[in-house]
Amino acid sequence: MDFFDAYVVRARLFPAVIAVAPALTLLLLAGSWTDPGLPEIISSLGIAVLLFAGADLARRAGLRKERKLFAATGGRPYNTELTRADDSVFDEVSKAEYRAFLAAKVNRQVPSEAEETADPIAAMAFYNACFRWLRENTRDRERFHVLLGENITYGFRRNMWGLKWFGIAINLGTVAAAYAIYRYEPQFMSVSNGKLVAQGSIAAIHAIYLLVGVSKNAVLDASKTYARQLALTVEALKSS
């Protein structure tokens, strides 16, 4: 049942499907689905297994890119949303309330403004502890469904970024395969002139999305949005 989990489907499976979309399109266009034979049956049976493998590949590719991107911070960007130096997210009154609440939870003293300036590494240890506590205490998906949504968005963008060049390679390969089927007309598959145009159009849209819509900045934006929503969960946690 984990395969049908919302995070698994939207953050892992969807990137895998998008990465191989041109290949799936070619299979649908070139296969003989009105009179399916052994190749079509084998292809259909293998799709579920390939999608499961693709979801796992998407996760591993995304984590590999994440480790490289955030190598200097142990796998995550610094959580600066509650620091005094970052005034782009919360006002100082709200940050002071959040810091006091979290300090009690992690059993640490809130660093003063002077301490943050004099020893930013030690100050970040406090904020990192606060965010770790928040991540561990906001796993109730029904109660923190907005946070889950932001986490899914981050996971989707990260994993999609990890599969970017794999998807482009699949794109080029399927365009070449479609032309070869059109040109040499093998018995087990067929591509008409109209289907070749359709395949090329889908491949072009696919390539534009991967080249323009999938980027490091998109991953970082999703990371910042998730961190902001994670900090906002303090409001719900204070009320309980």
Protein backbone atom coordinates (compact mmCIF):
# COMPACT_ATOMS: atom_id res chain seq x y z
CA MET A 1 0.00 0.00 0.00
CA ASP A 2 2.98 2.31 0.42
CA PHE A 3 3.16 2.45 -3.38
CA PHE A 4 -0.15 4.36 -3.36
CA ASP A 5 0.97 6.79 -0.64
CA ALA A 6 0.40 10.42 -1.67
CA TYR A 7 4.07 11.33 -1.29
CA VAL A 8 5.27 8.24 -3.18
CA VAL A 9 2.85 8.82 -6.05
CA ARG A 10 3.28 12.57 -6.46
CA ALA A 11 6.90 13.10 -5.46
CA ARG A 12 8.46 9.88 -6.83
CA LEU A 13 6.17 8.19 -9.33
CA PHE A 14 5.11 11.33 -11.19
CA PRO A 15 8.71 12.43 -11.93
CA ALA A 16 9.48 8.92 -13.20
CA VAL A 17 6.42 8.95 -15.49
CA ILE A 18 7.27 12.42 -16.81
CA ALA A 19 10.89 11.41 -17.46
CA VAL A 20 9.85 8.46 -19.64
CA ALA A 21 6.71 10.08 -21.12
CA PRO A 22 8.05 10.09 -24.71
CA ALA A 23 8.80 6.36 -24.50
CA LEU A 24 5.32 5.62 -23.12
CA THR A 25 3.81 7.74 -25.89
CA LEU A 26 5.77 5.87 -28.54
CA LEU A 27 4.59 2.56 -27.09
CA LEU A 28 0.96 3.72 -27.30
CA LEU A 29 1.31 5.20 -30.79
CA ALA A 30 3.32 2.41 -32.39
CA GLY A 31 1.76 -0.61 -30.68
CA SER A 32 -1.00 -2.65 -32.29
CA TRP A 33 -3.66 -2.12 -29.62
CA THR A 34 -6.60 -3.03 -31.86
CA ASP A 35 -5.12 -6.51 -32.29
CA PRO A 36 -2.55 -6.84 -29.50
CA GLY A 37 0.11 -9.48 -29.81
CA LEU A 38 2.81 -10.83 -27.56
CA PRO A 39 4.96 -7.63 -27.63
CA GLU A 40 2.00 -5.50 -26.48
CA ILE A 41 1.04 -7.98 -23.76
CA ILE A 42 4.60 -8.16 -22.43
CA SER A 43 4.87 -4.36 -22.55
CA SER A 44 1.63 -3.93 -20.62
CA LEU A 45 2.63 -6.40 -17.92
CA GLY A 46 6.01 -4.76 -17.55
CA ILE A 47 4.71 -1.22 -17.11
CA ALA A 48 3.80 -1.61 -13.42
CA VAL A 49 7.21 -3.06 -12.58
CA LEU A 50 8.98 -0.37 -14.60
CA LEU A 51 7.01 2.38 -12.88
CA PHE A 52 7.93 0.99 -9.45
CA ALA A 53 11.59 0.86 -10.49
CA GLY A 54 11.26 4.36 -11.94
CA ALA A 55 9.90 5.74 -8.65
CA ASP A 56 12.87 4.27 -6.81
CA LEU A 57 15.26 5.66 -9.44
CA ALA A 58 13.65 9.10 -9.11
CA ARG A 59 14.15 9.08 -5.34
CA ARG A 60 17.80 7.99 -5.57
CA ALA A 61 18.56 10.49 -8.34
CA GLY A 62 16.91 13.29 -6.37
CA LEU A 63 18.78 12.48 -3.16
CA ARG A 64 22.07 12.36 -5.06
CA LYS A 65 21.46 15.85 -6.48
CA GLU A 66 20.34 17.09 -3.05
CA ARG A 67 23.54 15.86 -1.41
CA LYS A 68 25.62 17.71 -3.97
CA LEU A 69 23.52 20.86 -3.73
CA PHE A 70 23.55 21.07 0.06
CA ALA A 71 26.92 19.40 0.73
CA ALA A 72 28.12 22.30 2.88
CA THR A 73 25.13 22.06 5.24
CA GLY A 74 24.87 18.32 5.76
CA GLY A 75 22.07 17.71 3.29
CA ARG A 76 19.84 20.73 3.88
CA PRO A 77 20.01 24.47 3.34
CA TYR A 78 20.48 26.49 6.47
CA ASN A 79 17.16 27.25 8.16
CA THR A 80 17.44 31.01 8.55
CA GLU A 81 13.73 31.83 8.74
CA LEU A 82 13.79 32.40 12.52
CA THR A 83 17.16 34.14 12.75
CA ARG A 84 17.41 37.85 13.40
CA ALA A 85 19.37 38.34 10.19
CA ASP A 86 16.51 37.05 8.02
CA ASP A 87 13.63 39.53 7.90
CA SER A 88 12.18 38.32 4.60
CA VAL A 89 9.70 35.81 6.06
CA PHE A 90 8.50 36.71 9.58
CA ASP A 91 8.35 39.88 11.63
CA GLU A 92 10.55 40.04 14.73
CA VAL A 93 7.65 39.71 17.18
CA SER A 94 6.52 36.44 15.60
CA LYS A 95 10.08 35.13 15.43
CA ALA A 96 10.62 35.90 19.11
CA GLU A 97 7.48 33.92 20.02
CA TYR A 98 8.53 30.99 17.84
CA ARG A 99 12.07 30.98 19.25
CA ALA A 100 10.81 30.98 22.84
CA PHE A 101 8.40 28.10 22.18
CA LEU A 102 11.02 25.99 20.41
CA ALA A 103 13.76 26.74 22.94
CA ALA A 104 11.60 25.14 25.62
CA LYS A 105 11.03 22.08 23.43
CA VAL A 106 14.72 21.50 22.59
CA ASN A 107 15.88 22.53 26.09
CA ARG A 108 18.31 25.19 24.85
CA GLN A 109 18.82 28.89 25.39
CA VAL A 110 17.80 31.23 22.60
CA PRO A 111 20.97 32.93 21.29
CA SER A 112 20.95 36.67 21.67
CA GLU A 113 21.43 39.02 18.74
CA ALA A 114 25.02 39.62 19.85
CA GLU A 115 25.67 35.87 20.08
CA GLU A 116 24.25 35.30 16.62
CA THR A 117 26.61 37.91 15.24
CA ALA A 118 29.67 36.78 17.21
CA ASP A 119 29.25 33.02 16.69
CA PRO A 120 26.84 32.28 13.82
CA ILE A 121 27.79 28.58 13.71
CA ALA A 122 26.78 28.03 17.33
CA ALA A 123 23.59 30.02 16.75
CA MET A 124 22.71 27.89 13.71
CA ALA A 125 23.08 24.77 15.87
CA PHE A 126 20.17 26.08 17.94
CA TYR A 127 18.02 26.80 14.88
CA ASN A 128 18.85 23.45 13.30
CA ALA A 129 17.79 21.70 16.51
CA CYS A 130 14.52 23.64 16.43
CA PHE A 131 13.76 22.63 12.86
CA ARG A 132 14.68 19.00 13.57
CA TRP A 133 12.19 19.02 16.44
CA LEU A 134 9.54 20.51 14.17
CA ARG A 135 10.07 17.88 11.48
CA GLU A 136 9.72 15.09 14.01
CA ASN A 137 6.59 16.55 15.58
CA THR A 138 4.64 17.45 12.45
CA ARG A 139 4.28 13.97 10.93
CA ASP A 140 0.50 13.88 11.42
CA ARG A 141 -0.56 14.16 7.78
CA GLU A 142 -4.16 15.10 8.46
CA ARG A 143 -3.32 17.83 10.93
CA PHE A 144 -0.40 19.23 8.92
CA HIS A 145 -1.72 18.58 5.42
CA VAL A 146 -0.52 21.96 4.11
CA LEU A 147 3.02 21.13 5.23
CA LEU A 148 2.71 17.73 3.57
CA GLY A 149 1.73 19.44 0.34
CA GLU A 150 4.81 21.66 0.43
CA ASN A 151 7.00 18.65 1.22
CA ILE A 152 5.53 16.82 -1.78
CA THR A 153 6.21 19.82 -4.00
CA TYR A 154 9.82 19.91 -2.83
CA GLY A 155 10.22 16.15 -3.32
CA PHE A 156 8.70 16.33 -6.80
CA ARG A 157 10.98 19.16 -7.93
CA ARG A 158 14.07 17.58 -6.39
CA ASN A 159 13.43 14.18 -7.95
CA MET A 160 12.46 15.71 -11.29
CA TRP A 161 15.73 17.66 -11.25
CA GLY A 162 17.59 14.44 -10.52
CA LEU A 163 16.02 12.81 -13.61
CA LYS A 164 16.41 15.83 -15.89
CA TRP A 165 19.21 14.60 -18.15
CA PHE A 166 17.95 11.02 -18.03
CA GLY A 167 14.62 12.30 -19.33
CA ILE A 168 16.30 14.29 -22.09
CA ALA A 169 18.25 11.20 -23.15
CA ILE A 170 15.01 9.16 -23.22
CA ASN A 171 13.44 11.97 -25.26
CA LEU A 172 16.16 11.90 -27.92
CA GLY A 173 16.20 8.10 -27.99
CA THR A 174 12.47 7.80 -28.57
CA VAL A 175 12.48 10.40 -31.34
CA ALA A 176 15.21 8.41 -33.08
CA ALA A 177 13.28 5.16 -32.48
CA ALA A 178 10.06 6.66 -33.85
CA TYR A 179 11.82 7.77 -37.01
CA ALA A 180 13.46 4.35 -37.41
CA ILE A 181 10.07 2.60 -37.07
CA TYR A 182 8.57 5.04 -39.59
CA ARG A 183 11.48 4.56 -41.99
CA TYR A 184 11.99 0.79 -41.83
CA GLU A 185 8.44 -0.37 -40.98
CA PRO A 186 9.13 -3.41 -38.76
CA GLN A 187 6.34 -5.98 -38.45
CA PHE A 188 5.83 -5.62 -34.69
CA MET A 189 5.32 -1.82 -34.68
CA SER A 190 4.17 0.89 -37.06
CA VAL A 191 4.32 4.68 -37.14
CA SER A 192 2.41 6.70 -39.72
CA ASN A 193 3.35 10.18 -40.85
CA GLY A 194 0.72 11.66 -38.54
CA LYS A 195 1.90 9.61 -35.57
CA LEU A 196 5.48 10.68 -36.23
CA VAL A 197 4.41 14.33 -36.12
CA ALA A 198 2.49 13.70 -32.87
CA GLN A 199 5.50 11.97 -31.32
CA GLY A 200 7.77 14.84 -32.34
CA SER A 201 5.37 17.43 -30.89
CA ILE A 202 5.14 15.60 -27.56
CA ALA A 203 8.92 15.23 -27.48
CA ALA A 204 9.36 18.96 -28.11
CA ILE A 205 6.97 19.93 -25.27
CA HIS A 206 8.68 17.40 -23.01
CA ALA A 207 12.14 18.79 -23.80
CA ILE A 208 11.05 22.41 -23.23
CA TYR A 209 9.61 21.50 -19.83
CA LEU A 210 12.76 19.68 -18.75
CA LEU A 211 15.10 22.41 -19.99
CA VAL A 212 13.11 25.41 -18.72
CA GLY A 213 10.86 24.20 -15.92
CA VAL A 214 13.24 21.85 -14.11
CA SER A 215 16.13 23.68 -12.42
CA LYS A 216 18.15 24.15 -9.25
CA ASN A 217 16.33 27.43 -8.53
CA ALA A 218 12.96 25.66 -8.64
CA VAL A 219 14.24 23.18 -6.05
CA LEU A 220 15.58 25.95 -3.82
CA ASP A 221 12.31 27.90 -4.05
CA ALA A 222 10.34 24.82 -2.98
CA SER A 223 12.80 24.25 -0.14
CA LYS A 224 12.32 27.79 1.16
CA THR A 225 8.53 27.52 0.92
CA TYR A 226 8.58 24.25 2.84
CA ALA A 227 10.83 25.75 5.54
CA ARG A 228 8.45 28.71 5.94
CA GLN A 229 5.45 26.41 6.31
CA LEU A 230 7.38 24.24 8.77
CA ALA A 231 8.06 27.27 10.94
CA LEU A 232 4.38 28.26 10.73
CA THR A 233 3.38 24.95 12.30
CA VAL A 234 4.46 26.47 15.61
CA GLU A 235 1.09 28.28 15.62
CA ALA A 236 -0.76 24.96 15.61
CA LEU A 237 1.64 23.35 18.06
CA LYS A 238 1.30 26.24 20.53
CA SER A 239 -2.46 25.86 20.57
CA SER A 240 -2.14 22.23 21.66
